[in-house]
Each structure stands twice: as structure tokens, then as C-alpha cells.
């Protein structure tokens, strides 16, 4: 799996955050706590970095991923019943604009963390098997 070590550490950090804060809070709270946890684990993390989006040479807006870990993986905390095609499509769009290859959707809705790896061109389930 691409960037397996980093994604495993992000998932571990997210589990630590969920164990401490418990489920059901606002996504922004998990995002801020995950930033603290990842930095404590030695990662560099950019929060809310803006990427310009152009169409036919003209700026049409800015894309703002939640967290970029080690300039390699997008981490996107969610509080949702389940991931859907819209979440995956959003991550694929983010990967395209940022030129990164791997994103992690992290769901803090329940007591047990769920996640989905999204790789440009592929979607992988929680255990890395191709879907």
C-alpha cells in the first residue's frame, strides 16, 4: 500500500483522539485534536492549507483540505453515519488538485473508529483490499 506507514500512524493517532474525546463531537474538534496528536508523534502537519483552483487559466477559488500530514497524505475527519460516494469523490478531487496520491477519511461518529483510504485511481476499504 502506498504510504502505509504514515497512514497507519494517522489511524493510530485518530484512535487515540477518539478514545480520549469519545464519539459524536463536531468534526473541527477532532481535526484540532488530531493535529496535536500527530505533531506529538513527530509528524509535520499543515491545517487548512489553501490550494488555488484554476479553470482555463483563471482562478475560480481555493480548495482547503483539513490536514496534510508529512506533505504526503490528506487526513479528513468526519462525523457521519457512513462514508458514501460523495466523500470519496471529494477526496479524489482533493488529491487531483493537491497532486498527492493518498487520502484518509476518518469517521469519529461511533465508539469504534472507521476509516477509508482513497488512492488516486483506486478506493481501498478499511483493511486495504481493493474495492
C-alpha atoms as a PDB file:
ATOM      1  CA  UNK A   1       0.000   0.000   0.000  1.00  0.00           C
ATOM      2  CA  UNK A   2       1.224   3.465  -0.841  1.00  0.00           C
ATOM      3  CA  UNK A   3       2.354   5.432   2.257  1.00  0.00           C
ATOM      4  CA  UNK A   4       1.311   2.546   4.505  1.00  0.00           C
ATOM      5  CA  UNK A   5       3.469   3.558   7.471  1.00  0.00           C
ATOM      6  CA  UNK A   6       2.175   7.138   7.575  1.00  0.00           C
ATOM      7  CA  UNK A   7      -1.452   6.090   7.153  1.00  0.00           C
ATOM      8  CA  UNK A   8      -1.136   3.501   9.942  1.00  0.00           C
ATOM      9  CA  UNK A   9       0.243   6.196  12.253  1.00  0.00           C
ATOM     10  CA  UNK A  10      -2.550   8.613  11.302  1.00  0.00           C
ATOM     11  CA  UNK A  11      -5.128   5.902  12.070  1.00  0.00           C
ATOM     12  CA  UNK A  12      -3.421   5.195  15.410  1.00  0.00           C
ATOM     13  CA  UNK A  13      -3.447   8.890  16.250  1.00  0.00           C
ATOM     14  CA  UNK A  14      -7.137   9.118  15.318  1.00  0.00           C
ATOM     15  CA  UNK A  15      -7.894   6.147  17.585  1.00  0.00           C
ATOM     16  CA  UNK A  16      -6.095   7.882  20.454  1.00  0.00           C
ATOM     17  CA  UNK A  17      -8.127  11.047  19.848  1.00  0.00           C
ATOM     18  CA  UNK A  18     -11.411   9.124  19.735  1.00  0.00           C
ATOM     19  CA  UNK A  19     -10.549   7.188  22.899  1.00  0.00           C
ATOM     20  CA  UNK A  20      -9.902  10.470  24.706  1.00  0.00           C
ATOM     21  CA  UNK A  21     -12.728  12.641  23.349  1.00  0.00           C
ATOM     22  CA  UNK A  22     -15.362   9.921  22.726  1.00  0.00           C
ATOM     23  CA  UNK A  23     -17.688   9.929  19.676  1.00  0.00           C
ATOM     24  CA  UNK A  24     -20.181  12.443  18.369  1.00  0.00           C
ATOM     25  CA  UNK A  25     -18.453  15.816  18.703  1.00  0.00           C
ATOM     26  CA  UNK A  26     -18.037  18.377  15.933  1.00  0.00           C
ATOM     27  CA  UNK A  27     -15.572  17.442  13.152  1.00  0.00           C
ATOM     28  CA  UNK A  28     -13.457  20.537  13.816  1.00  0.00           C
ATOM     29  CA  UNK A  29     -12.753  19.369  17.380  1.00  0.00           C
ATOM     30  CA  UNK A  30     -11.419  16.047  16.095  1.00  0.00           C
ATOM     31  CA  UNK A  31      -9.398  17.849  13.433  1.00  0.00           C
ATOM     32  CA  UNK A  32      -7.745  20.105  16.027  1.00  0.00           C
ATOM     33  CA  UNK A  33      -7.072  17.204  18.404  1.00  0.00           C
ATOM     34  CA  UNK A  34      -5.681  15.062  15.571  1.00  0.00           C
ATOM     35  CA  UNK A  35      -3.294  17.875  14.662  1.00  0.00           C
ATOM     36  CA  UNK A  36      -2.000  17.929  18.252  1.00  0.00           C
ATOM     37  CA  UNK A  37      -1.674  14.126  18.373  1.00  0.00           C
ATOM     38  CA  UNK A  38       0.154  13.869  15.040  1.00  0.00           C
ATOM     39  CA  UNK A  39       2.619  16.625  15.918  1.00  0.00           C
ATOM     40  CA  UNK A  40       3.276  14.893  19.260  1.00  0.00           C
ATOM     41  CA  UNK A  41       4.106  11.753  17.257  1.00  0.00           C
ATOM     42  CA  UNK A  42       6.713  13.659  15.231  1.00  0.00           C
ATOM     43  CA  UNK A  43       4.760  14.433  12.062  1.00  0.00           C
ATOM     44  CA  UNK A  44       4.608  17.739  10.257  1.00  0.00           C
ATOM     45  CA  UNK A  45       1.002  18.750   9.708  1.00  0.00           C
ATOM     46  CA  UNK A  46      -0.488  21.574   7.700  1.00  0.00           C
ATOM     47  CA  UNK A  47      -4.006  22.525   8.750  1.00  0.00           C
ATOM     48  CA  UNK A  48      -6.401  24.214   6.317  1.00  0.00           C
ATOM     49  CA  UNK A  49      -3.714  24.890   3.680  1.00  0.00           C
ATOM     50  CA  UNK A  50      -5.217  26.650   0.686  1.00  0.00           C
ATOM     51  CA  UNK A  51      -4.677  25.419  -2.865  1.00  0.00           C
ATOM     52  CA  UNK A  52      -5.687  27.674  -5.755  1.00  0.00           C
ATOM     53  CA  UNK A  53      -8.056  26.084  -8.290  1.00  0.00           C
ATOM     54  CA  UNK A  54      -7.896  27.276 -11.893  1.00  0.00           C
ATOM     55  CA  UNK A  55     -10.136  26.748 -14.873  1.00  0.00           C
ATOM     56  CA  UNK A  56      -8.901  27.722 -18.327  1.00  0.00           C
ATOM     57  CA  UNK A  57      -6.122  29.731 -16.749  1.00  0.00           C
ATOM     58  CA  UNK A  58      -8.372  31.680 -14.399  1.00  0.00           C
ATOM     59  CA  UNK A  59      -8.580  31.379 -10.643  1.00  0.00           C
ATOM     60  CA  UNK A  60     -12.032  30.070  -9.691  1.00  0.00           C
ATOM     61  CA  UNK A  61     -11.494  29.523  -5.983  1.00  0.00           C
ATOM     62  CA  UNK A  62      -9.493  27.767  -3.338  1.00  0.00           C
ATOM     63  CA  UNK A  63      -9.506  24.188  -2.071  1.00  0.00           C
ATOM     64  CA  UNK A  64      -8.853  23.738   1.658  1.00  0.00           C
ATOM     65  CA  UNK A  65      -8.130  20.167   2.855  1.00  0.00           C
ATOM     66  CA  UNK A  66      -8.400  19.689   6.628  1.00  0.00           C
ATOM     67  CA  UNK A  67      -4.954  18.201   7.307  1.00  0.00           C
ATOM     68  CA  UNK A  68      -1.919  17.392   5.159  1.00  0.00           C
ATOM     69  CA  UNK A  69       0.436  15.016   7.009  1.00  0.00           C
ATOM     70  CA  UNK A  70       4.144  14.965   6.146  1.00  0.00           C
ATOM     71  CA  UNK A  71       3.342  16.658   2.815  1.00  0.00           C
ATOM     72  CA  UNK A  72       2.099  13.230   1.688  1.00  0.00           C
ATOM     73  CA  UNK A  73      -1.356  12.221   2.983  1.00  0.00           C
ATOM     74  CA  UNK A  74      -4.611  14.146   3.322  1.00  0.00           C
ATOM     75  CA  UNK A  75      -6.434  13.346   6.574  1.00  0.00           C
ATOM     76  CA  UNK A  76     -10.106  14.292   6.642  1.00  0.00           C
ATOM     77  CA  UNK A  77     -12.010  13.813   9.916  1.00  0.00           C
ATOM     78  CA  UNK A  78     -15.760  13.195   9.548  1.00  0.00           C
ATOM     79  CA  UNK A  79     -18.721  12.593  11.850  1.00  0.00           C
ATOM     80  CA  UNK A  80     -21.076  10.705   9.532  1.00  0.00           C
ATOM     81  CA  UNK A  81     -23.279   7.629   9.631  1.00  0.00           C
ATOM     82  CA  UNK A  82     -21.212   6.043   6.845  1.00  0.00           C
ATOM     83  CA  UNK A  83     -18.856   7.101   4.095  1.00  0.00           C
ATOM     84  CA  UNK A  84     -20.538   7.488   0.718  1.00  0.00           C
ATOM     85  CA  UNK A  85     -19.573   8.114  -2.898  1.00  0.00           C
ATOM     86  CA  UNK A  86     -19.644  11.878  -2.314  1.00  0.00           C
ATOM     87  CA  UNK A  87     -16.936  11.629   0.373  1.00  0.00           C
ATOM     88  CA  UNK A  88     -14.758   9.514  -1.910  1.00  0.00           C
ATOM     89  CA  UNK A  89     -15.314  11.839  -4.875  1.00  0.00           C
ATOM     90  CA  UNK A  90     -14.374  14.823  -2.715  1.00  0.00           C
ATOM     91  CA  UNK A  91     -11.111  13.143  -1.679  1.00  0.00           C
ATOM     92  CA  UNK A  92     -10.312  12.242  -5.286  1.00  0.00           C
ATOM     93  CA  UNK A  93     -10.844  15.897  -6.209  1.00  0.00           C
ATOM     94  CA  UNK A  94      -8.567  16.977  -3.366  1.00  0.00           C
ATOM     95  CA  UNK A  95      -5.896  14.510  -4.474  1.00  0.00           C
ATOM     96  CA  UNK A  96      -6.109  15.786  -8.029  1.00  0.00           C
ATOM     97  CA  UNK A  97      -5.744  19.454  -7.045  1.00  0.00           C
ATOM     98  CA  UNK A  98      -3.008  18.867  -4.428  1.00  0.00           C
ATOM     99  CA  UNK A  99      -1.108  16.370  -6.641  1.00  0.00           C
ATOM    100  CA  UNK A 100      -0.975  13.971  -3.664  1.00  0.00           C
ATOM    101  CA  UNK A 101      -1.822  10.287  -4.042  1.00  0.00           C
ATOM    102  CA  UNK A 102      -3.366   9.156  -0.734  1.00  0.00           C
ATOM    103  CA  UNK A 103      -6.177  10.474   1.472  1.00  0.00           C
ATOM    104  CA  UNK A 104      -7.668   9.048   4.647  1.00  0.00           C
ATOM    105  CA  UNK A 105     -11.298   9.566   5.592  1.00  0.00           C
ATOM    106  CA  UNK A 106     -11.614   9.130   9.372  1.00  0.00           C
ATOM    107  CA  UNK A 107     -15.051   8.690  10.946  1.00  0.00           C
ATOM    108  CA  UNK A 108     -15.461   9.708  14.596  1.00  0.00           C
ATOM    109  CA  UNK A 109     -19.243   9.066  14.748  1.00  0.00           C
ATOM    110  CA  UNK A 110     -19.130   5.797  16.720  1.00  0.00           C
ATOM    111  CA  UNK A 111     -17.078   4.450  19.632  1.00  0.00           C
ATOM    112  CA  UNK A 112     -15.001   2.447  17.131  1.00  0.00           C
ATOM    113  CA  UNK A 113     -13.072   4.488  14.564  1.00  0.00           C
ATOM    114  CA  UNK A 114     -13.726   3.636  10.934  1.00  0.00           C
ATOM    115  CA  UNK A 115     -11.621   4.816   8.052  1.00  0.00           C
ATOM    116  CA  UNK A 116     -11.246   4.610   4.308  1.00  0.00           C
ATOM    117  CA  UNK A 117      -8.074   5.007   2.293  1.00  0.00           C
ATOM    118  CA  UNK A 118      -8.617   6.778  -1.002  1.00  0.00           C
ATOM    119  CA  UNK A 119      -5.877   6.483  -3.580  1.00  0.00           C
ATOM    120  CA  UNK A 120      -5.881   8.356  -6.849  1.00  0.00           C
ATOM    121  CA  UNK A 121      -7.402   5.903  -9.300  1.00  0.00           C
ATOM    122  CA  UNK A 122      -8.421   3.431  -6.550  1.00  0.00           C
ATOM    123  CA  UNK A 123     -10.577   3.205  -3.453  1.00  0.00           C
ATOM    124  CA  UNK A 124      -9.430   0.865  -0.711  1.00  0.00           C
ATOM    125  CA  UNK A 125     -11.551  -0.416   2.142  1.00  0.00           C
ATOM    126  CA  UNK A 126     -10.643  -0.307   5.820  1.00  0.00           C
ATOM    127  CA  UNK A 127      -8.178  -3.173   5.520  1.00  0.00           C
ATOM    128  CA  UNK A 128      -6.537  -2.108   2.271  1.00  0.00           C
ATOM    129  CA  UNK A 129      -8.295  -4.612  -0.002  1.00  0.00           C
ATOM    130  CA  UNK A 130      -9.256  -3.114  -3.335  1.00  0.00           C
ATOM    131  CA  UNK A 131     -12.932  -2.401  -3.683  1.00  0.00           C
END
